[in-house]
Amino acid sequence: MLGYSYAKRFTSLSHIILGFGIGIAQLAHGWAVTGKLNPIPLMLWLVVMLWIGGFDIIYALQDVDFDSEAGLFSIPKKLGKSRPLTVSRLMHFTLIVC
């Protein structure tokens, strides 16, 4: 989770990193309980990563001007104000398919 704040300084994929950090709890829990990596916790990790990442992209639309002024990276800053919504929709569609 600490990587998210620093990731905004280096990559536009910080939204995915946030989802990765929050979603990893599902994978770690499944691994801790069973002692092996099972497909269901792996799928839950993927779903949570896409869910959180997709919503963080929407949330980041509010910060486009600040990100530009501060030299931070984000998908909305990189793609503009309308295309990030398409990326978020694709992420949420993918999680529904999963």
PDB file of N, CA and C in Angstrom:
ATOM      1  N   MET A   1       0.816  -1.192   0.000  1.00  0.00           N
ATOM      2  CA  MET A   1       0.000   0.000   0.000  1.00  0.00           C
ATOM      3  C   MET A   1       0.860   1.256   0.000  1.00  0.00           C
ATOM      4  N   LEU A   2       2.046   1.170   0.581  1.00  0.00           N
ATOM      5  CA  LEU A   2       2.926   2.334   0.588  1.00  0.00           C
ATOM      6  C   LEU A   2       3.365   2.701  -0.828  1.00  0.00           C
ATOM      7  N   GLY A   3       3.395   1.720  -1.703  1.00  0.00           N
ATOM      8  CA  GLY A   3       3.835   1.965  -3.063  1.00  0.00           C
ATOM      9  C   GLY A   3       2.908   2.855  -3.864  1.00  0.00           C
ATOM     10  N   TYR A   4       1.636   2.930  -3.487  1.00  0.00           N
ATOM     11  CA  TYR A   4       0.667   3.718  -4.253  1.00  0.00           C
ATOM     12  C   TYR A   4       1.053   5.192  -4.278  1.00  0.00           C
ATOM     13  N   SER A   5       1.380   5.752  -3.135  1.00  0.00           N
ATOM     14  CA  SER A   5       1.719   7.178  -3.073  1.00  0.00           C
ATOM     15  C   SER A   5       2.961   7.492  -3.890  1.00  0.00           C
ATOM     16  N   TYR A   6       3.916   6.601  -3.856  1.00  0.00           N
ATOM     17  CA  TYR A   6       5.136   6.821  -4.625  1.00  0.00           C
ATOM     18  C   TYR A   6       4.943   6.519  -6.104  1.00  0.00           C
ATOM     19  N   ALA A   7       4.059   5.594  -6.418  1.00  0.00           N
ATOM     20  CA  ALA A   7       3.831   5.216  -7.815  1.00  0.00           C
ATOM     21  C   ALA A   7       3.319   6.388  -8.637  1.00  0.00           C
ATOM     22  N   LYS A   8       2.527   7.279  -8.018  1.00  0.00           N
ATOM     23  CA  LYS A   8       1.992   8.438  -8.742  1.00  0.00           C
ATOM     24  C   LYS A   8       3.109   9.348  -9.244  1.00  0.00           C
ATOM     25  N   ARG A   9       4.294   9.212  -8.693  1.00  0.00           N
ATOM     26  CA  ARG A   9       5.426  10.031  -9.123  1.00  0.00           C
ATOM     27  C   ARG A   9       6.160   9.428 -10.321  1.00  0.00           C
ATOM     28  N   PHE A  10       5.886   8.142 -10.616  1.00  0.00           N
ATOM     29  CA  PHE A  10       6.662   7.448 -11.641  1.00  0.00           C
ATOM     30  C   PHE A  10       5.848   6.815 -12.766  1.00  0.00           C
ATOM     31  N   THR A  11       4.577   6.464 -12.501  1.00  0.00           N
ATOM     32  CA  THR A  11       3.810   5.721 -13.493  1.00  0.00           C
ATOM     33  C   THR A  11       2.322   6.098 -13.450  1.00  0.00           C
ATOM     34  N   SER A  12       1.680   5.968 -14.569  1.00  0.00           N
ATOM     35  CA  SER A  12       0.238   6.205 -14.644  1.00  0.00           C
ATOM     36  C   SER A  12      -0.557   5.003 -14.140  1.00  0.00           C
ATOM     37  N   LEU A  13       0.114   3.910 -13.838  1.00  0.00           N
ATOM     38  CA  LEU A  13      -0.559   2.690 -13.395  1.00  0.00           C
ATOM     39  C   LEU A  13      -0.773   2.648 -11.887  1.00  0.00           C
ATOM     40  N   SER A  14      -0.685   3.794 -11.230  1.00  0.00           N
ATOM     41  CA  SER A  14      -0.844   3.829  -9.777  1.00  0.00           C
ATOM     42  C   SER A  14      -2.220   3.314  -9.343  1.00  0.00           C
ATOM     43  N   HIS A  15      -3.232   3.457 -10.186  1.00  0.00           N
ATOM     44  CA  HIS A  15      -4.580   2.991  -9.861  1.00  0.00           C
ATOM     45  C   HIS A  15      -4.595   1.460  -9.742  1.00  0.00           C
ATOM     46  N   ILE A  16      -3.863   0.813 -10.636  1.00  0.00           N
ATOM     47  CA  ILE A  16      -3.761  -0.643 -10.607  1.00  0.00           C
ATOM     48  C   ILE A  16      -2.962  -1.080  -9.382  1.00  0.00           C
ATOM     49  N   ILE A  17      -1.933  -0.325  -9.042  1.00  0.00           N
ATOM     50  CA  ILE A  17      -1.112  -0.645  -7.871  1.00  0.00           C
ATOM     51  C   ILE A  17      -1.947  -0.550  -6.594  1.00  0.00           C
ATOM     52  N   LEU A  18      -2.824   0.443  -6.500  1.00  0.00           N
ATOM     53  CA  LEU A  18      -3.715   0.560  -5.349  1.00  0.00           C
ATOM     54  C   LEU A  18      -4.634  -0.658  -5.268  1.00  0.00           C
ATOM     55  N   GLY A  19      -5.245  -1.028  -6.390  1.00  0.00           N
ATOM     56  CA  GLY A  19      -6.104  -2.212  -6.415  1.00  0.00           C
ATOM     57  C   GLY A  19      -5.345  -3.478  -6.082  1.00  0.00           C
ATOM     58  N   PHE A  20      -4.105  -3.572  -6.562  1.00  0.00           N
ATOM     59  CA  PHE A  20      -3.251  -4.724  -6.263  1.00  0.00           C
ATOM     60  C   PHE A  20      -3.026  -4.826  -4.756  1.00  0.00           C
ATOM     61  N   GLY A  21      -2.703  -3.696  -4.131  1.00  0.00           N
ATOM     62  CA  GLY A  21      -2.408  -3.688  -2.700  1.00  0.00           C
ATOM     63  C   GLY A  21      -3.610  -4.061  -1.847  1.00  0.00           C
ATOM     64  N   ILE A  22      -4.780  -3.580  -2.223  1.00  0.00           N
ATOM     65  CA  ILE A  22      -5.983  -3.900  -1.452  1.00  0.00           C
ATOM     66  C   ILE A  22      -6.451  -5.324  -1.751  1.00  0.00           C
ATOM     67  N   GLY A  23      -6.360  -5.727  -2.999  1.00  0.00           N
ATOM     68  CA  GLY A  23      -6.827  -7.053  -3.390  1.00  0.00           C
ATOM     69  C   GLY A  23      -5.948  -8.193  -2.929  1.00  0.00           C
ATOM     70  N   ILE A  24      -4.690  -7.911  -2.636  1.00  0.00           N
ATOM     71  CA  ILE A  24      -3.762  -8.980  -2.257  1.00  0.00           C
ATOM     72  C   ILE A  24      -4.186  -9.643  -0.948  1.00  0.00           C
ATOM     73  N   ALA A  25      -4.989  -8.959  -0.144  1.00  0.00           N
ATOM     74  CA  ALA A  25      -5.466  -9.542   1.123  1.00  0.00           C
ATOM     75  C   ALA A  25      -6.272 -10.815   0.865  1.00  0.00           C
ATOM     76  N   GLN A  26      -7.091 -10.827  -0.186  1.00  0.00           N
ATOM     77  CA  GLN A  26      -7.877 -12.013  -0.496  1.00  0.00           C
ATOM     78  C   GLN A  26      -6.968 -13.180  -0.865  1.00  0.00           C
ATOM     79  N   LEU A  27      -5.960 -12.908  -1.639  1.00  0.00           N
ATOM     80  CA  LEU A  27      -5.024 -13.955  -2.048  1.00  0.00           C
ATOM     81  C   LEU A  27      -4.221 -14.452  -0.854  1.00  0.00           C
ATOM     82  N   ALA A  28      -3.748 -13.537  -0.023  1.00  0.00           N
ATOM     83  CA  ALA A  28      -2.952 -13.911   1.146  1.00  0.00           C
ATOM     84  C   ALA A  28      -3.783 -14.724   2.139  1.00  0.00           C
ATOM     85  N   HIS A  29      -5.044 -14.346   2.306  1.00  0.00           N
ATOM     86  CA  HIS A  29      -5.912 -15.085   3.217  1.00  0.00           C
ATOM     87  C   HIS A  29      -6.105 -16.520   2.735  1.00  0.00           C
ATOM     88  N   GLY A  30      -6.402 -16.680   1.469  1.00  0.00           N
ATOM     89  CA  GLY A  30      -6.588 -18.027   0.916  1.00  0.00           C
ATOM     90  C   GLY A  30      -5.334 -18.867   1.034  1.00  0.00           C
ATOM     91  N   TRP A  31      -4.190 -18.250   0.815  1.00  0.00           N
ATOM     92  CA  TRP A  31      -2.918 -18.956   0.904  1.00  0.00           C
ATOM     93  C   TRP A  31      -2.624 -19.332   2.359  1.00  0.00           C
ATOM     94  N   ALA A  32      -2.913 -18.424   3.285  1.00  0.00           N
ATOM     95  CA  ALA A  32      -2.645 -18.688   4.699  1.00  0.00           C
ATOM     96  C   ALA A  32      -3.532 -19.808   5.240  1.00  0.00           C
ATOM     97  N   VAL A  33      -4.778 -19.853   4.812  1.00  0.00           N
ATOM     98  CA  VAL A  33      -5.714 -20.854   5.331  1.00  0.00           C
ATOM     99  C   VAL A  33      -5.437 -22.236   4.756  1.00  0.00           C
ATOM    100  N   THR A  34      -5.172 -22.302   3.448  1.00  0.00           N
ATOM    101  CA  THR A  34      -5.022 -23.609   2.804  1.00  0.00           C
ATOM    102  C   THR A  34      -3.569 -24.033   2.603  1.00  0.00           C
ATOM    103  N   GLY A  35      -2.652 -23.082   2.640  1.00  0.00           N
ATOM    104  CA  GLY A  35      -1.248 -23.411   2.405  1.00  0.00           C
ATOM    105  C   GLY A  35      -0.884 -23.513   0.939  1.00  0.00           C
ATOM    106  N   LYS A  36      -1.813 -23.192   0.059  1.00  0.00           N
ATOM    107  CA  LYS A  36      -1.519 -23.221  -1.377  1.00  0.00           C
ATOM    108  C   LYS A  36      -2.354 -22.155  -2.076  1.00  0.00           C
ATOM    109  N   LEU A  37      -1.969 -21.836  -3.296  1.00  0.00           N
ATOM    110  CA  LEU A  37      -2.708 -20.847  -4.081  1.00  0.00           C
ATOM    111  C   LEU A  37      -3.852 -21.547  -4.797  1.00  0.00           C
ATOM    112  N   ASN A  38      -5.058 -21.187  -4.422  1.00  0.00           N
ATOM    113  CA  ASN A  38      -6.251 -21.752  -5.046  1.00  0.00           C
ATOM    114  C   ASN A  38      -6.827 -20.757  -6.039  1.00  0.00           C
ATOM    115  N   PRO A  39      -7.571 -21.233  -7.027  1.00  0.00           N
ATOM    116  CA  PRO A  39      -8.103 -20.322  -8.044  1.00  0.00           C
ATOM    117  C   PRO A  39      -9.130 -19.316  -7.525  1.00  0.00           C
ATOM    118  N   ILE A  40      -9.909 -19.665  -6.526  1.00  0.00           N
ATOM    119  CA  ILE A  40     -10.946 -18.736  -6.052  1.00  0.00           C
ATOM    120  C   ILE A  40     -10.329 -17.501  -5.398  1.00  0.00           C
ATOM    121  N   PRO A  41      -9.384 -17.627  -4.455  1.00  0.00           N
ATOM    122  CA  PRO A  41      -8.758 -16.413  -3.922  1.00  0.00           C
ATOM    123  C   PRO A  41      -8.002 -15.622  -4.990  1.00  0.00           C
ATOM    124  N   LEU A  42      -7.437 -16.312  -5.954  1.00  0.00           N
ATOM    125  CA  LEU A  42      -6.757 -15.632  -7.058  1.00  0.00           C
ATOM    126  C   LEU A  42      -7.755 -14.813  -7.868  1.00  0.00           C
ATOM    127  N   MET A  43      -8.929 -15.376  -8.103  1.00  0.00           N
ATOM    128  CA  MET A  43      -9.975 -14.669  -8.825  1.00  0.00           C
ATOM    129  C   MET A  43     -10.492 -13.483  -8.011  1.00  0.00           C
ATOM    130  N   LEU A  44     -10.662 -13.672  -6.701  1.00  0.00           N
ATOM    131  CA  LEU A  44     -11.094 -12.567  -5.850  1.00  0.00           C
ATOM    132  C   LEU A  44     -10.083 -11.432  -5.867  1.00  0.00           C
ATOM    133  N   TRP A  45      -8.816 -11.765  -5.858  1.00  0.00           N
ATOM    134  CA  TRP A  45      -7.762 -10.755  -5.927  1.00  0.00           C
ATOM    135  C   TRP A  45      -7.874  -9.962  -7.223  1.00  0.00           C
ATOM    136  N   LEU A  46      -8.067 -10.656  -8.328  1.00  0.00           N
ATOM    137  CA  LEU A  46      -8.201  -9.995  -9.624  1.00  0.00           C
ATOM    138  C   LEU A  46      -9.440  -9.092  -9.651  1.00  0.00           C
ATOM    139  N   VAL A  47     -10.553  -9.586  -9.131  1.00  0.00           N
ATOM    140  CA  VAL A  47     -11.793  -8.812  -9.122  1.00  0.00           C
ATOM    141  C   VAL A  47     -11.637  -7.551  -8.276  1.00  0.00           C
ATOM    142  N   VAL A  48     -11.070  -7.673  -7.085  1.00  0.00           N
ATOM    143  CA  VAL A  48     -10.899  -6.508  -6.216  1.00  0.00           C
ATOM    144  C   VAL A  48      -9.919  -5.522  -6.836  1.00  0.00           C
ATOM    145  N   MET A  49      -8.854  -6.029  -7.462  1.00  0.00           N
ATOM    146  CA  MET A  49      -7.880  -5.150  -8.107  1.00  0.00           C
ATOM    147  C   MET A  49      -8.548  -4.332  -9.220  1.00  0.00           C
ATOM    148  N   LEU A  50      -9.362  -4.967 -10.039  1.00  0.00           N
ATOM    149  CA  LEU A  50     -10.046  -4.265 -11.116  1.00  0.00           C
ATOM    150  C   LEU A  50     -11.097  -3.299 -10.578  1.00  0.00           C
ATOM    151  N   TRP A  51     -11.797  -3.704  -9.536  1.00  0.00           N
ATOM    152  CA  TRP A  51     -12.846  -2.876  -8.938  1.00  0.00           C
ATOM    153  C   TRP A  51     -12.256  -1.606  -8.334  1.00  0.00           C
ATOM    154  N   ILE A  52     -11.257  -1.748  -7.486  1.00  0.00           N
ATOM    155  CA  ILE A  52     -10.640  -0.596  -6.828  1.00  0.00           C
ATOM    156  C   ILE A  52      -9.924   0.280  -7.863  1.00  0.00           C
ATOM    157  N   GLY A  53      -9.185  -0.344  -8.777  1.00  0.00           N
ATOM    158  CA  GLY A  53      -8.478   0.417  -9.804  1.00  0.00           C
ATOM    159  C   GLY A  53      -9.429   1.213 -10.684  1.00  0.00           C
ATOM    160  N   GLY A  54     -10.542   0.594 -11.069  1.00  0.00           N
ATOM    161  CA  GLY A  54     -11.534   1.276 -11.901  1.00  0.00           C
ATOM    162  C   GLY A  54     -12.163   2.467 -11.200  1.00  0.00           C
ATOM    163  N   PHE A  55     -12.489   2.297  -9.930  1.00  0.00           N
ATOM    164  CA  PHE A  55     -13.064   3.421  -9.189  1.00  0.00           C
ATOM    165  C   PHE A  55     -12.027   4.489  -8.885  1.00  0.00           C
ATOM    166  N   ASP A  56     -10.782   4.105  -8.691  1.00  0.00           N
ATOM    167  CA  ASP A  56      -9.746   5.107  -8.440  1.00  0.00           C
ATOM    168  C   ASP A  56      -9.506   5.962  -9.685  1.00  0.00           C
ATOM    169  N   ILE A  57      -9.674   5.382 -10.859  1.00  0.00           N
ATOM    170  CA  ILE A  57      -9.561   6.163 -12.095  1.00  0.00           C
ATOM    171  C   ILE A  57     -10.666   7.227 -12.136  1.00  0.00           C
ATOM    172  N   ILE A  58     -11.888   6.836 -11.779  1.00  0.00           N
ATOM    173  CA  ILE A  58     -12.986   7.803 -11.741  1.00  0.00           C
ATOM    174  C   ILE A  58     -12.686   8.892 -10.712  1.00  0.00           C
ATOM    175  N   TYR A  59     -12.224   8.491  -9.548  1.00  0.00           N
ATOM    176  CA  TYR A  59     -11.908   9.442  -8.489  1.00  0.00           C
ATOM    177  C   TYR A  59     -10.790  10.391  -8.920  1.00  0.00           C
ATOM    178  N   ALA A  60      -9.814   9.879  -9.672  1.00  0.00           N
ATOM    179  CA  ALA A  60      -8.671  10.691 -10.103  1.00  0.00           C
ATOM    180  C   ALA A  60      -9.063  11.756 -11.123  1.00  0.00           C
ATOM    181  N   LEU A  61     -10.231  11.638 -11.725  1.00  0.00           N
ATOM    182  CA  LEU A  61     -10.678  12.670 -12.658  1.00  0.00           C
ATOM    183  C   LEU A  61     -10.793  14.030 -11.972  1.00  0.00           C
ATOM    184  N   GLN A  62     -11.038  14.018 -10.668  1.00  0.00           N
ATOM    185  CA  GLN A  62     -11.142  15.268  -9.914  1.00  0.00           C
ATOM    186  C   GLN A  62      -9.783  15.931  -9.716  1.00  0.00           C
ATOM    187  N   ASP A  63      -8.720  15.155  -9.851  1.00  0.00           N
ATOM    188  CA  ASP A  63      -7.376  15.637  -9.527  1.00  0.00           C
ATOM    189  C   ASP A  63      -6.493  15.899 -10.744  1.00  0.00           C
ATOM    190  N   VAL A  64      -7.069  15.923 -11.927  1.00  0.00           N
ATOM    191  CA  VAL A  64      -6.262  16.077 -13.142  1.00  0.00           C
ATOM    192  C   VAL A  64      -5.429  17.360 -13.102  1.00  0.00           C
ATOM    193  N   ASP A  65      -6.032  18.456 -12.728  1.00  0.00           N
ATOM    194  CA  ASP A  65      -5.301  19.729 -12.690  1.00  0.00           C
ATOM    195  C   ASP A  65      -4.188  19.693 -11.654  1.00  0.00           C
ATOM    196  N   PHE A  66      -4.481  19.155 -10.471  1.00  0.00           N
ATOM    197  CA  PHE A  66      -3.455  19.063  -9.430  1.00  0.00           C
ATOM    198  C   PHE A  66      -2.317  18.151  -9.871  1.00  0.00           C
ATOM    199  N   ASP A  67      -2.658  17.004 -10.468  1.00  0.00           N
ATOM    200  CA  ASP A  67      -1.618  16.081 -10.939  1.00  0.00           C
ATOM    201  C   ASP A  67      -0.703  16.759 -11.953  1.00  0.00           C
ATOM    202  N   SER A  68      -1.272  17.556 -12.836  1.00  0.00           N
ATOM    203  CA  SER A  68      -0.468  18.273 -13.834  1.00  0.00           C
ATOM    204  C   SER A  68       0.453  19.288 -13.169  1.00  0.00           C
ATOM    205  N   GLU A  69      -0.093  20.044 -12.215  1.00  0.00           N
ATOM    206  CA  GLU A  69       0.720  21.052 -11.525  1.00  0.00           C
ATOM    207  C   GLU A  69       1.822  20.423 -10.680  1.00  0.00           C
ATOM    208  N   ALA A  70       1.525  19.304 -10.051  1.00  0.00           N
ATOM    209  CA  ALA A  70       2.476  18.665  -9.139  1.00  0.00           C
ATOM    210  C   ALA A  70       3.421  17.702  -9.851  1.00  0.00           C
ATOM    211  N   GLY A  71       3.208  17.477 -11.152  1.00  0.00           N
ATOM    212  CA  GLY A  71       4.065  16.553 -11.893  1.00  0.00           C
ATOM    213  C   GLY A  71       3.803  15.092 -11.567  1.00  0.00           C
ATOM    214  N   LEU A  72       2.572  14.790 -11.137  1.00  0.00           N
ATOM    215  CA  LEU A  72       2.199  13.410 -10.817  1.00  0.00           C
ATOM    216  C   LEU A  72       1.595  12.743 -12.047  1.00  0.00           C
ATOM    217  N   PHE A  73       1.582  11.427 -12.032  1.00  0.00           N
ATOM    218  CA  PHE A  73       1.050  10.651 -13.148  1.00  0.00           C
ATOM    219  C   PHE A  73      -0.283  10.028 -12.763  1.00  0.00           C
ATOM    220  N   SER A  74      -1.182   9.932 -13.722  1.00  0.00           N
ATOM    221  CA  SER A  74      -2.450   9.223 -13.548  1.00  0.00           C
ATOM    222  C   SER A  74      -3.004   8.931 -14.933  1.00  0.00           C
ATOM    223  N   ILE A  75      -3.904   7.981 -14.991  1.00  0.00           N
ATOM    224  CA  ILE A  75      -4.531   7.659 -16.277  1.00  0.00           C
ATOM    225  C   ILE A  75      -5.354   8.840 -16.793  1.00  0.00           C
ATOM    226  N   PRO A  76      -6.133   9.536 -15.944  1.00  0.00           N
ATOM    227  CA  PRO A  76      -6.857  10.705 -16.458  1.00  0.00           C
ATOM    228  C   PRO A  76      -5.933  11.804 -16.981  1.00  0.00           C
ATOM    229  N   LYS A  77      -4.804  12.003 -16.334  1.00  0.00           N
ATOM    230  CA  LYS A  77      -3.870  13.015 -16.824  1.00  0.00           C
ATOM    231  C   LYS A  77      -3.299  12.608 -18.181  1.00  0.00           C
ATOM    232  N   LYS A  78      -3.034  11.316 -18.326  1.00  0.00           N
ATOM    233  CA  LYS A  78      -2.428  10.825 -19.567  1.00  0.00           C
ATOM    234  C   LYS A  78      -3.430  10.767 -20.725  1.00  0.00           C
ATOM    235  N   LEU A  79      -4.681  10.388 -20.442  1.00  0.00           N
ATOM    236  CA  LEU A  79      -5.659  10.144 -21.509  1.00  0.00           C
ATOM    237  C   LEU A  79      -6.692  11.249 -21.700  1.00  0.00           C
ATOM    238  N   GLY A  80      -6.714  12.240 -20.822  1.00  0.00           N
ATOM    239  CA  GLY A  80      -7.728  13.280 -20.934  1.00  0.00           C
ATOM    240  C   GLY A  80      -8.888  13.013 -19.997  1.00  0.00           C
ATOM    241  N   LYS A  81     -10.022  13.629 -20.256  1.00  0.00           N
ATOM    242  CA  LYS A  81     -11.135  13.507 -19.308  1.00  0.00           C
ATOM    243  C   LYS A  81     -12.220  12.519 -19.717  1.00  0.00           C
ATOM    244  N   SER A  82     -12.269  12.084 -20.961  1.00  0.00           N
ATOM    245  CA  SER A  82     -13.337  11.158 -21.349  1.00  0.00           C
ATOM    246  C   SER A  82     -12.841   9.721 -21.511  1.00  0.00           C
ATOM    247  N   ARG A  83     -11.654   9.536 -22.047  1.00  0.00           N
ATOM    248  CA  ARG A  83     -11.152   8.174 -22.270  1.00  0.00           C
ATOM    249  C   ARG A  83     -10.905   7.377 -20.989  1.00  0.00           C
ATOM    250  N   PRO A  84     -10.530   8.006 -19.875  1.00  0.00           N
ATOM    251  CA  PRO A  84     -10.380   7.218 -18.644  1.00  0.00           C
ATOM    252  C   PRO A  84     -11.681   6.546 -18.198  1.00  0.00           C
ATOM    253  N   LEU A  85     -12.816   7.149 -18.503  1.00  0.00           N
ATOM    254  CA  LEU A  85     -14.086   6.511 -18.169  1.00  0.00           C
ATOM    255  C   LEU A  85     -14.269   5.214 -18.947  1.00  0.00           C
ATOM    256  N   THR A  86     -13.780   5.191 -20.186  1.00  0.00           N
ATOM    257  CA  THR A  86     -13.832   3.964 -20.981  1.00  0.00           C
ATOM    258  C   THR A  86     -12.936   2.902 -20.362  1.00  0.00           C
ATOM    259  N   VAL A  87     -11.753   3.295 -19.916  1.00  0.00           N
ATOM    260  CA  VAL A  87     -10.840   2.354 -19.253  1.00  0.00           C
ATOM    261  C   VAL A  87     -11.502   1.802 -17.990  1.00  0.00           C
ATOM    262  N   SER A  88     -12.121   2.663 -17.206  1.00  0.00           N
ATOM    263  CA  SER A  88     -12.805   2.229 -15.989  1.00  0.00           C
ATOM    264  C   SER A  88     -13.952   1.278 -16.319  1.00  0.00           C
ATOM    265  N   ARG A  89     -14.715   1.601 -17.342  1.00  0.00           N
ATOM    266  CA  ARG A  89     -15.817   0.710 -17.747  1.00  0.00           C
ATOM    267  C   ARG A  89     -15.292  -0.662 -18.158  1.00  0.00           C
ATOM    268  N   LEU A  90     -14.193  -0.684 -18.908  1.00  0.00           N
ATOM    269  CA  LEU A  90     -13.601  -1.964 -19.323  1.00  0.00           C
ATOM    270  C   LEU A  90     -13.114  -2.764 -18.120  1.00  0.00           C
ATOM    271  N   MET A  91     -12.537  -2.081 -17.149  1.00  0.00           N
ATOM    272  CA  MET A  91     -12.086  -2.775 -15.946  1.00  0.00           C
ATOM    273  C   MET A  91     -13.276  -3.358 -15.182  1.00  0.00           C
ATOM    274  N   HIS A  92     -14.345  -2.585 -15.058  1.00  0.00           N
ATOM    275  CA  HIS A  92     -15.514  -3.078 -14.348  1.00  0.00           C
ATOM    276  C   HIS A  92     -16.234  -4.183 -15.137  1.00  0.00           C
ATOM    277  N   PHE A  93     -16.256  -4.082 -16.445  1.00  0.00           N
ATOM    278  CA  PHE A  93     -16.838  -5.156 -17.263  1.00  0.00           C
ATOM    279  C   PHE A  93     -16.029  -6.439 -17.083  1.00  0.00           C
ATOM    280  N   THR A  94     -14.696  -6.323 -17.073  1.00  0.00           N
ATOM    281  CA  THR A  94     -13.838  -7.484 -16.908  1.00  0.00           C
ATOM    282  C   THR A  94     -14.060  -8.149 -15.547  1.00  0.00           C
ATOM    283  N   LEU A  95     -14.246  -7.342 -14.502  1.00  0.00           N
ATOM    284  CA  LEU A  95     -14.466  -7.946 -13.188  1.00  0.00           C
ATOM    285  C   LEU A  95     -15.805  -8.672 -13.134  1.00  0.00           C
ATOM    286  N   ILE A  96     -16.802  -8.166 -13.851  1.00  0.00           N
ATOM    287  CA  ILE A  96     -18.094  -8.866 -13.900  1.00  0.00           C
ATOM    288  C   ILE A  96     -17.942 -10.193 -14.624  1.00  0.00           C
ATOM    289  N   VAL A  97     -17.159 -10.206 -15.693  1.00  0.00           N
ATOM    290  CA  VAL A  97     -16.917 -11.448 -16.420  1.00  0.00           C
ATOM    291  C   VAL A  97     -16.184 -12.458 -15.533  1.00  0.00           C
ATOM    292  N   CYS A  98     -15.234 -11.952 -14.752  1.00  0.00           N
ATOM    293  CA  CYS A  98     -14.486 -12.836 -13.837  1.00  0.00           C
ATOM    294  C   CYS A  98     -15.423 -13.436 -12.796  1.00  0.00           C
TER     295      CYS A  98
END
